[in-house]
Amino acid sequence: MFEAAELGRKVSKSEYATQLPDLRSGLLAAQVALRPAGVPVILVFSGADGAGKSETVQRLHEWLDPRGLETN
């Protein structure tokens, strides 16, 4: 995944709003597919204070099925 990341790429607010529903449902579908397969997923967030880490984690909690989620 990191090899495919485009560093420095920005998405306009209108493009984000257009893609958001599909991205959100795709993320939930991936979670649903991985759970019975027993595939663990670990997300690590790093950044400076005030960079939006907590807001991002909160948004993921809103989007995903909370069963099986653990935040430390």
C-alpha atoms as a PDB file:
ATOM      1  CA  MET A   1       0.000   0.000   0.000  1.00  0.00           C
ATOM      2  CA  PHE A   2       2.729   2.467   0.881  1.00  0.00           C
ATOM      3  CA  GLU A   3       4.335   1.950  -2.512  1.00  0.00           C
ATOM      4  CA  ALA A   4       1.091   3.120  -4.157  1.00  0.00           C
ATOM      5  CA  ALA A   5       0.584   6.194  -1.969  1.00  0.00           C
ATOM      6  CA  GLU A   6       0.938   9.492  -3.762  1.00  0.00           C
ATOM      7  CA  LEU A   7       2.681  11.755  -1.286  1.00  0.00           C
ATOM      8  CA  GLY A   8       1.668  15.370  -1.465  1.00  0.00           C
ATOM      9  CA  ARG A   9      -1.546  14.629  -3.351  1.00  0.00           C
ATOM     10  CA  LYS A  10      -4.510  16.775  -2.369  1.00  0.00           C
ATOM     11  CA  VAL A  11      -8.185  16.170  -2.996  1.00  0.00           C
ATOM     12  CA  SER A  12     -10.591  19.052  -3.484  1.00  0.00           C
ATOM     13  CA  LYS A  13     -13.588  19.320  -1.167  1.00  0.00           C
ATOM     14  CA  SER A  14     -15.981  18.607  -4.043  1.00  0.00           C
ATOM     15  CA  GLU A  15     -14.027  15.511  -5.131  1.00  0.00           C
ATOM     16  CA  TYR A  16     -13.924  14.328  -1.504  1.00  0.00           C
ATOM     17  CA  ALA A  17     -17.689  14.786  -1.150  1.00  0.00           C
ATOM     18  CA  THR A  18     -18.268  12.853  -4.377  1.00  0.00           C
ATOM     19  CA  GLN A  19     -16.038   9.921  -3.416  1.00  0.00           C
ATOM     20  CA  LEU A  20     -16.937   9.763   0.283  1.00  0.00           C
ATOM     21  CA  PRO A  21     -20.041   7.510   0.107  1.00  0.00           C
ATOM     22  CA  ASP A  22     -18.248   4.857  -1.975  1.00  0.00           C
ATOM     23  CA  LEU A  23     -15.127   4.992   0.191  1.00  0.00           C
ATOM     24  CA  ARG A  24     -17.169   4.713   3.366  1.00  0.00           C
ATOM     25  CA  SER A  25     -19.176   1.711   2.148  1.00  0.00           C
ATOM     26  CA  GLY A  26     -16.012   0.094   0.781  1.00  0.00           C
ATOM     27  CA  LEU A  27     -14.304   0.415   4.152  1.00  0.00           C
ATOM     28  CA  LEU A  28     -17.259  -1.190   5.919  1.00  0.00           C
ATOM     29  CA  ALA A  29     -17.406  -3.974   3.304  1.00  0.00           C
ATOM     30  CA  ALA A  30     -13.698  -4.688   3.864  1.00  0.00           C
ATOM     31  CA  GLN A  31     -14.266  -4.883   7.617  1.00  0.00           C
ATOM     32  CA  VAL A  32     -17.185  -7.289   7.154  1.00  0.00           C
ATOM     33  CA  ALA A  33     -15.155  -9.487   4.765  1.00  0.00           C
ATOM     34  CA  LEU A  34     -12.042  -9.597   6.956  1.00  0.00           C
ATOM     35  CA  ARG A  35     -13.799 -10.465  10.227  1.00  0.00           C
ATOM     36  CA  PRO A  36     -14.842 -14.059   9.355  1.00  0.00           C
ATOM     37  CA  ALA A  37     -11.508 -14.623   7.623  1.00  0.00           C
ATOM     38  CA  GLY A  38      -9.768 -13.943  10.935  1.00  0.00           C
ATOM     39  CA  VAL A  39      -7.497 -11.327   9.412  1.00  0.00           C
ATOM     40  CA  PRO A  40      -6.340  -8.817  12.041  1.00  0.00           C
ATOM     41  CA  VAL A  41      -5.983  -5.201  10.968  1.00  0.00           C
ATOM     42  CA  ILE A  42      -3.918  -2.667  12.875  1.00  0.00           C
ATOM     43  CA  LEU A  43      -4.070   1.035  12.097  1.00  0.00           C
ATOM     44  CA  VAL A  44      -1.350   3.277  13.494  1.00  0.00           C
ATOM     45  CA  PHE A  45      -1.833   7.036  13.509  1.00  0.00           C
ATOM     46  CA  SER A  46       1.116   9.315  14.048  1.00  0.00           C
ATOM     47  CA  GLY A  47       1.519  13.040  13.746  1.00  0.00           C
ATOM     48  CA  ALA A  48       2.048  16.299  15.535  1.00  0.00           C
ATOM     49  CA  ASP A  49      -0.368  17.550  18.164  1.00  0.00           C
ATOM     50  CA  GLY A  50      -3.383  19.127  16.515  1.00  0.00           C
ATOM     51  CA  ALA A  51      -2.872  17.235  13.248  1.00  0.00           C
ATOM     52  CA  GLY A  52      -6.314  15.596  13.385  1.00  0.00           C
ATOM     53  CA  LYS A  53      -5.457  12.116  14.636  1.00  0.00           C
ATOM     54  CA  SER A  54      -8.269  11.993  17.194  1.00  0.00           C
ATOM     55  CA  GLU A  55     -10.815  13.299  14.696  1.00  0.00           C
ATOM     56  CA  THR A  56      -9.789  10.646  12.180  1.00  0.00           C
ATOM     57  CA  VAL A  57     -10.070   7.847  14.741  1.00  0.00           C
ATOM     58  CA  GLN A  58     -13.481   9.158  15.825  1.00  0.00           C
ATOM     59  CA  ARG A  59     -14.674   9.225  12.207  1.00  0.00           C
ATOM     60  CA  LEU A  60     -13.560   5.617  11.708  1.00  0.00           C
ATOM     61  CA  HIS A  61     -15.512   4.643  14.823  1.00  0.00           C
ATOM     62  CA  GLU A  62     -18.586   6.305  13.308  1.00  0.00           C
ATOM     63  CA  TRP A  63     -18.162   4.582   9.948  1.00  0.00           C
ATOM     64  CA  LEU A  64     -17.200   1.067  11.041  1.00  0.00           C
ATOM     65  CA  ASP A  65     -19.116  -1.629  12.874  1.00  0.00           C
ATOM     66  CA  PRO A  66     -17.983  -1.166  16.486  1.00  0.00           C
ATOM     67  CA  ARG A  67     -17.978  -4.911  17.198  1.00  0.00           C
ATOM     68  CA  GLY A  68     -14.364  -5.966  17.320  1.00  0.00           C
ATOM     69  CA  LEU A  69     -12.907  -2.452  17.359  1.00  0.00           C
ATOM     70  CA  GLU A  70     -10.346  -1.649  20.003  1.00  0.00           C
ATOM     71  CA  THR A  71      -8.675   1.724  20.457  1.00  0.00           C
ATOM     72  CA  ASN A  72      -5.607   2.311  22.614  1.00  0.00           C
END
